[in-house]
Amino acid sequence: MTDRAPEPLPGTAAAEAVRPRVTCRRCHRPLHDPESRILRLGPECRDPAERVARHEVDQDPLPGLD
């Protein structure tokens, strides 16, 4: 006899707890990269124009802080 634990049957909670399948919103391909999974867009489908541009703004200092 062996001391191996039995493998879970397909369709059980243990087999589905691995990771949910996330697909791209545009091309519907599966995503693996953490950033792509958060954005739900693959690297090929991301448009650089859609990213928010950061720019610095001159601001007055807060009162009381010298």
PDB file of N, CA and C in Angstrom:
ATOM      1  N   MET A   1       0.839  -1.183   0.000  1.00  0.00           N
ATOM      2  CA  MET A   1       0.000   0.000   0.000  1.00  0.00           C
ATOM      3  C   MET A   1       0.881   1.242   0.000  1.00  0.00           C
ATOM      4  N   THR A   2       0.377   2.280  -0.584  1.00  0.00           N
ATOM      5  CA  THR A   2       1.124   3.540  -0.614  1.00  0.00           C
ATOM      6  C   THR A   2       0.469   4.533   0.331  1.00  0.00           C
ATOM      7  N   ASP A   3       1.240   5.529   0.755  1.00  0.00           N
ATOM      8  CA  ASP A   3       0.736   6.549   1.676  1.00  0.00           C
ATOM      9  C   ASP A   3       0.327   7.832   0.951  1.00  0.00           C
ATOM     10  N   ARG A   4       0.114   7.752  -0.336  1.00  0.00           N
ATOM     11  CA  ARG A   4      -0.282   8.941  -1.097  1.00  0.00           C
ATOM     12  C   ARG A   4      -1.729   9.280  -0.828  1.00  0.00           C
ATOM     13  N   ALA A   5      -2.018  10.589  -0.779  1.00  0.00           N
ATOM     14  CA  ALA A   5      -3.396  11.052  -0.616  1.00  0.00           C
ATOM     15  C   ALA A   5      -4.108  10.938  -1.963  1.00  0.00           C
ATOM     16  N   PRO A   6      -5.363  10.578  -1.947  1.00  0.00           N
ATOM     17  CA  PRO A   6      -6.089  10.472  -3.214  1.00  0.00           C
ATOM     18  C   PRO A   6      -6.285  11.851  -3.842  1.00  0.00           C
ATOM     19  N   GLU A   7      -6.254  11.889  -5.172  1.00  0.00           N
ATOM     20  CA  GLU A   7      -6.452  13.149  -5.888  1.00  0.00           C
ATOM     21  C   GLU A   7      -7.939  13.493  -5.893  1.00  0.00           C
ATOM     22  N   PRO A   8      -8.289  14.804  -5.829  1.00  0.00           N
ATOM     23  CA  PRO A   8      -9.702  15.180  -5.829  1.00  0.00           C
ATOM     24  C   PRO A   8     -10.349  14.875  -7.182  1.00  0.00           C
ATOM     25  N   LEU A   9     -11.613  14.566  -7.121  1.00  0.00           N
ATOM     26  CA  LEU A   9     -12.364  14.287  -8.340  1.00  0.00           C
ATOM     27  C   LEU A   9     -12.635  15.583  -9.094  1.00  0.00           C
ATOM     28  N   PRO A  10     -12.679  15.548 -10.422  1.00  0.00           N
ATOM     29  CA  PRO A  10     -13.000  16.766 -11.183  1.00  0.00           C
ATOM     30  C   PRO A  10     -14.396  17.269 -10.813  1.00  0.00           C
ATOM     31  N   GLY A  11     -14.513  18.587 -10.694  1.00  0.00           N
ATOM     32  CA  GLY A  11     -15.808  19.167 -10.365  1.00  0.00           C
ATOM     33  C   GLY A  11     -16.021  19.376  -8.879  1.00  0.00           C
ATOM     34  N   THR A  12     -15.085  18.938  -8.051  1.00  0.00           N
ATOM     35  CA  THR A  12     -15.235  19.140  -6.617  1.00  0.00           C
ATOM     36  C   THR A  12     -14.666  20.497  -6.233  1.00  0.00           C
ATOM     37  N   ALA A  13     -14.932  20.945  -5.029  1.00  0.00           N
ATOM     38  CA  ALA A  13     -14.499  22.259  -4.566  1.00  0.00           C
ATOM     39  C   ALA A  13     -12.976  22.356  -4.528  1.00  0.00           C
ATOM     40  N   ALA A  14     -12.282  21.288  -4.193  1.00  0.00           N
ATOM     41  CA  ALA A  14     -10.828  21.329  -4.115  1.00  0.00           C
ATOM     42  C   ALA A  14     -10.208  21.513  -5.499  1.00  0.00           C
ATOM     43  N   ALA A  15     -10.803  20.936  -6.526  1.00  0.00           N
ATOM     44  CA  ALA A  15     -10.269  21.071  -7.876  1.00  0.00           C
ATOM     45  C   ALA A  15     -10.534  22.465  -8.444  1.00  0.00           C
ATOM     46  N   GLU A  16     -11.637  23.120  -8.052  1.00  0.00           N
ATOM     47  CA  GLU A  16     -11.990  24.428  -8.582  1.00  0.00           C
ATOM     48  C   GLU A  16     -11.331  25.566  -7.812  1.00  0.00           C
ATOM     49  N   ALA A  17     -10.725  25.287  -6.666  1.00  0.00           N
ATOM     50  CA  ALA A  17     -10.145  26.331  -5.835  1.00  0.00           C
ATOM     51  C   ALA A  17      -8.775  26.763  -6.336  1.00  0.00           C
ATOM     52  N   VAL A  18      -8.328  26.291  -7.461  1.00  0.00           N
ATOM     53  CA  VAL A  18      -7.005  26.616  -7.971  1.00  0.00           C
ATOM     54  C   VAL A  18      -6.919  28.097  -8.313  1.00  0.00           C
ATOM     55  N   ARG A  19      -7.556  28.547  -9.352  1.00  0.00           N
ATOM     56  CA  ARG A  19      -7.613  29.946  -9.747  1.00  0.00           C
ATOM     57  C   ARG A  19      -8.723  30.112 -10.768  1.00  0.00           C
ATOM     58  N   PRO A  20      -9.544  31.140 -10.607  1.00  0.00           N
ATOM     59  CA  PRO A  20     -10.597  31.318 -11.612  1.00  0.00           C
ATOM     60  C   PRO A  20      -9.987  31.737 -12.949  1.00  0.00           C
ATOM     61  N   ARG A  21     -10.620  31.327 -14.013  1.00  0.00           N
ATOM     62  CA  ARG A  21     -10.134  31.665 -15.343  1.00  0.00           C
ATOM     63  C   ARG A  21     -10.557  33.084 -15.680  1.00  0.00           C
ATOM     64  N   VAL A  22      -9.579  33.924 -16.024  1.00  0.00           N
ATOM     65  CA  VAL A  22      -9.840  35.308 -16.402  1.00  0.00           C
ATOM     66  C   VAL A  22      -9.453  35.454 -17.857  1.00  0.00           C
ATOM     67  N   THR A  23     -10.365  36.023 -18.654  1.00  0.00           N
ATOM     68  CA  THR A  23     -10.089  36.204 -20.070  1.00  0.00           C
ATOM     69  C   THR A  23     -10.078  37.686 -20.425  1.00  0.00           C
ATOM     70  N   CYS A  24      -9.417  38.004 -21.518  1.00  0.00           N
ATOM     71  CA  CYS A  24      -9.301  39.378 -21.998  1.00  0.00           C
ATOM     72  C   CYS A  24     -10.669  39.878 -22.451  1.00  0.00           C
ATOM     73  N   ARG A  25     -10.953  41.145 -22.155  1.00  0.00           N
ATOM     74  CA  ARG A  25     -12.238  41.732 -22.545  1.00  0.00           C
ATOM     75  C   ARG A  25     -12.365  41.887 -24.057  1.00  0.00           C
ATOM     76  N   ARG A  26     -11.248  41.989 -24.757  1.00  0.00           N
ATOM     77  CA  ARG A  26     -11.308  42.229 -26.207  1.00  0.00           C
ATOM     78  C   ARG A  26     -11.148  40.951 -27.025  1.00  0.00           C
ATOM     79  N   CYS A  27     -10.093  40.192 -26.744  1.00  0.00           N
ATOM     80  CA  CYS A  27      -9.825  39.018 -27.584  1.00  0.00           C
ATOM     81  C   CYS A  27     -10.267  37.707 -26.938  1.00  0.00           C
ATOM     82  N   HIS A  28     -10.668  37.747 -25.673  1.00  0.00           N
ATOM     83  CA  HIS A  28     -11.197  36.590 -24.936  1.00  0.00           C
ATOM     84  C   HIS A  28     -10.186  35.463 -24.749  1.00  0.00           C
ATOM     85  N   ARG A  29      -8.885  35.781 -24.834  1.00  0.00           N
ATOM     86  CA  ARG A  29      -7.862  34.785 -24.551  1.00  0.00           C
ATOM     87  C   ARG A  29      -7.628  34.724 -23.043  1.00  0.00           C
ATOM     88  N   PRO A  30      -7.201  33.579 -22.511  1.00  0.00           N
ATOM     89  CA  PRO A  30      -6.927  33.487 -21.069  1.00  0.00           C
ATOM     90  C   PRO A  30      -5.739  34.367 -20.683  1.00  0.00           C
ATOM     91  N   LEU A  31      -5.819  34.982 -19.499  1.00  0.00           N
ATOM     92  CA  LEU A  31      -4.775  35.870 -19.010  1.00  0.00           C
ATOM     93  C   LEU A  31      -4.026  35.201 -17.863  1.00  0.00           C
ATOM     94  N   HIS A  32      -2.701  35.379 -17.835  1.00  0.00           N
ATOM     95  CA  HIS A  32      -1.877  34.754 -16.810  1.00  0.00           C
ATOM     96  C   HIS A  32      -1.112  35.778 -15.978  1.00  0.00           C
ATOM     97  N   ASP A  33      -0.776  36.921 -16.551  1.00  0.00           N
ATOM     98  CA  ASP A  33      -0.021  37.962 -15.866  1.00  0.00           C
ATOM     99  C   ASP A  33      -0.909  38.640 -14.819  1.00  0.00           C
ATOM    100  N   PRO A  34      -0.407  38.861 -13.594  1.00  0.00           N
ATOM    101  CA  PRO A  34      -1.238  39.488 -12.554  1.00  0.00           C
ATOM    102  C   PRO A  34      -1.790  40.861 -12.961  1.00  0.00           C
ATOM    103  N   GLU A  35      -0.972  41.693 -13.607  1.00  0.00           N
ATOM    104  CA  GLU A  35      -1.457  43.012 -14.031  1.00  0.00           C
ATOM    105  C   GLU A  35      -2.540  42.881 -15.095  1.00  0.00           C
ATOM    106  N   SER A  36      -2.358  41.975 -16.026  1.00  0.00           N
ATOM    107  CA  SER A  36      -3.358  41.751 -17.067  1.00  0.00           C
ATOM    108  C   SER A  36      -4.653  41.224 -16.469  1.00  0.00           C
ATOM    109  N   ARG A  37      -4.545  40.355 -15.467  1.00  0.00           N
ATOM    110  CA  ARG A  37      -5.740  39.804 -14.831  1.00  0.00           C
ATOM    111  C   ARG A  37      -6.526  40.892 -14.104  1.00  0.00           C
ATOM    112  N   ILE A  38      -5.820  41.855 -13.490  1.00  0.00           N
ATOM    113  CA  ILE A  38      -6.499  42.946 -12.793  1.00  0.00           C
ATOM    114  C   ILE A  38      -7.194  43.858 -13.791  1.00  0.00           C
ATOM    115  N   LEU A  39      -6.494  44.198 -14.880  1.00  0.00           N
ATOM    116  CA  LEU A  39      -7.055  45.097 -15.892  1.00  0.00           C
ATOM    117  C   LEU A  39      -8.042  44.397 -16.818  1.00  0.00           C
ATOM    118  N   ARG A  40      -7.998  43.074 -16.845  1.00  0.00           N
ATOM    119  CA  ARG A  40      -8.799  42.261 -17.758  1.00  0.00           C
ATOM    120  C   ARG A  40      -8.513  42.612 -19.210  1.00  0.00           C
ATOM    121  N   LEU A  41      -7.244  42.973 -19.487  1.00  0.00           N
ATOM    122  CA  LEU A  41      -6.774  43.239 -20.844  1.00  0.00           C
ATOM    123  C   LEU A  41      -5.407  42.601 -21.018  1.00  0.00           C
ATOM    124  N   GLY A  42      -5.229  41.890 -22.113  1.00  0.00           N
ATOM    125  CA  GLY A  42      -3.932  41.297 -22.381  1.00  0.00           C
ATOM    126  C   GLY A  42      -2.943  42.338 -22.859  1.00  0.00           C
ATOM    127  N   PRO A  43      -1.638  42.002 -22.850  1.00  0.00           N
ATOM    128  CA  PRO A  43      -0.632  42.974 -23.257  1.00  0.00           C
ATOM    129  C   PRO A  43      -0.788  43.416 -24.713  1.00  0.00           C
ATOM    130  N   GLU A  44      -1.285  42.547 -25.585  1.00  0.00           N
ATOM    131  CA  GLU A  44      -1.476  42.913 -26.983  1.00  0.00           C
ATOM    132  C   GLU A  44      -2.697  43.813 -27.180  1.00  0.00           C
ATOM    133  N   CYS A  45      -3.648  43.748 -26.260  1.00  0.00           N
ATOM    134  CA  CYS A  45      -4.893  44.513 -26.402  1.00  0.00           C
ATOM    135  C   CYS A  45      -4.857  45.859 -25.691  1.00  0.00           C
ATOM    136  N   ARG A  46      -3.822  46.095 -24.902  1.00  0.00           N
ATOM    137  CA  ARG A  46      -3.730  47.373 -24.194  1.00  0.00           C
ATOM    138  C   ARG A  46      -3.311  48.463 -25.159  1.00  0.00           C
ATOM    139  N   ASP A  47      -4.007  49.578 -25.117  1.00  0.00           N
ATOM    140  CA  ASP A  47      -3.684  50.731 -25.946  1.00  0.00           C
ATOM    141  C   ASP A  47      -2.989  51.756 -25.067  1.00  0.00           C
ATOM    142  N   PRO A  48      -1.799  52.218 -25.435  1.00  0.00           N
ATOM    143  CA  PRO A  48      -1.109  53.197 -24.590  1.00  0.00           C
ATOM    144  C   PRO A  48      -1.915  54.478 -24.385  1.00  0.00           C
ATOM    145  N   ALA A  49      -2.793  54.821 -25.302  1.00  0.00           N
ATOM    146  CA  ALA A  49      -3.606  56.029 -25.158  1.00  0.00           C
ATOM    147  C   ALA A  49      -4.647  55.882 -24.057  1.00  0.00           C
ATOM    148  N   GLU A  50      -4.987  54.652 -23.688  1.00  0.00           N
ATOM    149  CA  GLU A  50      -5.982  54.432 -22.642  1.00  0.00           C
ATOM    150  C   GLU A  50      -5.412  54.633 -21.246  1.00  0.00           C
ATOM    151  N   ARG A  51      -4.116  54.594 -21.113  1.00  0.00           N
ATOM    152  CA  ARG A  51      -3.507  54.778 -19.800  1.00  0.00           C
ATOM    153  C   ARG A  51      -3.606  56.238 -19.394  1.00  0.00           C
ATOM    154  N   VAL A  52      -3.771  56.452 -18.123  1.00  0.00           N
ATOM    155  CA  VAL A  52      -3.883  57.810 -17.600  1.00  0.00           C
ATOM    156  C   VAL A  52      -2.488  58.399 -17.492  1.00  0.00           C
ATOM    157  N   ALA A  53      -2.297  59.544 -18.138  1.00  0.00           N
ATOM    158  CA  ALA A  53      -0.995  60.199 -18.085  1.00  0.00           C
ATOM    159  C   ALA A  53      -0.843  60.931 -16.755  1.00  0.00           C
ATOM    160  N   ARG A  54       0.323  60.782 -16.145  1.00  0.00           N
ATOM    161  CA  ARG A  54       0.595  61.480 -14.894  1.00  0.00           C
ATOM    162  C   ARG A  54       1.339  62.762 -15.219  1.00  0.00           C
ATOM    163  N   HIS A  55       0.943  63.832 -14.577  1.00  0.00           N
ATOM    164  CA  HIS A  55       1.656  65.083 -14.749  1.00  0.00           C
ATOM    165  C   HIS A  55       1.700  65.807 -13.411  1.00  0.00           C
ATOM    166  N   GLU A  56       2.786  66.492 -13.193  1.00  0.00           N
ATOM    167  CA  GLU A  56       2.981  67.216 -11.944  1.00  0.00           C
ATOM    168  C   GLU A  56       2.297  68.574 -12.033  1.00  0.00           C
ATOM    169  N   VAL A  57       1.730  69.006 -10.924  1.00  0.00           N
ATOM    170  CA  VAL A  57       1.037  70.285 -10.855  1.00  0.00           C
ATOM    171  C   VAL A  57       1.686  71.099  -9.747  1.00  0.00           C
ATOM    172  N   ASP A  58       2.005  72.367 -10.064  1.00  0.00           N
ATOM    173  CA  ASP A  58       2.546  73.257  -9.025  1.00  0.00           C
ATOM    174  C   ASP A  58       1.435  73.584  -8.049  1.00  0.00           C
ATOM    175  N   GLN A  59       1.708  73.408  -6.770  1.00  0.00           N
ATOM    176  CA  GLN A  59       0.717  73.680  -5.727  1.00  0.00           C
ATOM    177  C   GLN A  59       1.304  74.595  -4.679  1.00  0.00           C
ATOM    178  N   ASP A  60       0.435  75.361  -4.061  1.00  0.00           N
ATOM    179  CA  ASP A  60       0.847  76.197  -2.939  1.00  0.00           C
ATOM    180  C   ASP A  60       1.112  75.310  -1.744  1.00  0.00           C
ATOM    181  N   PRO A  61       2.080  75.721  -0.893  1.00  0.00           N
ATOM    182  CA  PRO A  61       2.324  74.917   0.312  1.00  0.00           C
ATOM    183  C   PRO A  61       1.144  74.991   1.264  1.00  0.00           C
ATOM    184  N   LEU A  62       0.980  73.954   2.053  1.00  0.00           N
ATOM    185  CA  LEU A  62      -0.099  73.935   3.037  1.00  0.00           C
ATOM    186  C   LEU A  62       0.179  74.948   4.136  1.00  0.00           C
ATOM    187  N   PRO A  63      -0.850  75.644   4.615  1.00  0.00           N
ATOM    188  CA  PRO A  63      -0.629  76.607   5.694  1.00  0.00           C
ATOM    189  C   PRO A  63      -0.196  75.883   6.963  1.00  0.00           C
ATOM    190  N   GLY A  64       0.759  76.498   7.675  1.00  0.00           N
ATOM    191  CA  GLY A  64       1.241  75.908   8.914  1.00  0.00           C
ATOM    192  C   GLY A  64       2.458  75.028   8.722  1.00  0.00           C
ATOM    193  N   LEU A  65       2.760  74.648   7.489  1.00  0.00           N
ATOM    194  CA  LEU A  65       3.945  73.847   7.226  1.00  0.00           C
ATOM    195  C   LEU A  65       4.984  74.731   6.547  1.00  0.00           C
ATOM    196  N   ASP A  66       6.048  75.039   7.245  1.00  0.00           N
ATOM    197  CA  ASP A  66       7.085  75.900   6.665  1.00  0.00           C
ATOM    198  C   ASP A  66       8.308  75.129   6.316  1.00  0.00           C
TER     199      ASP A  66
END
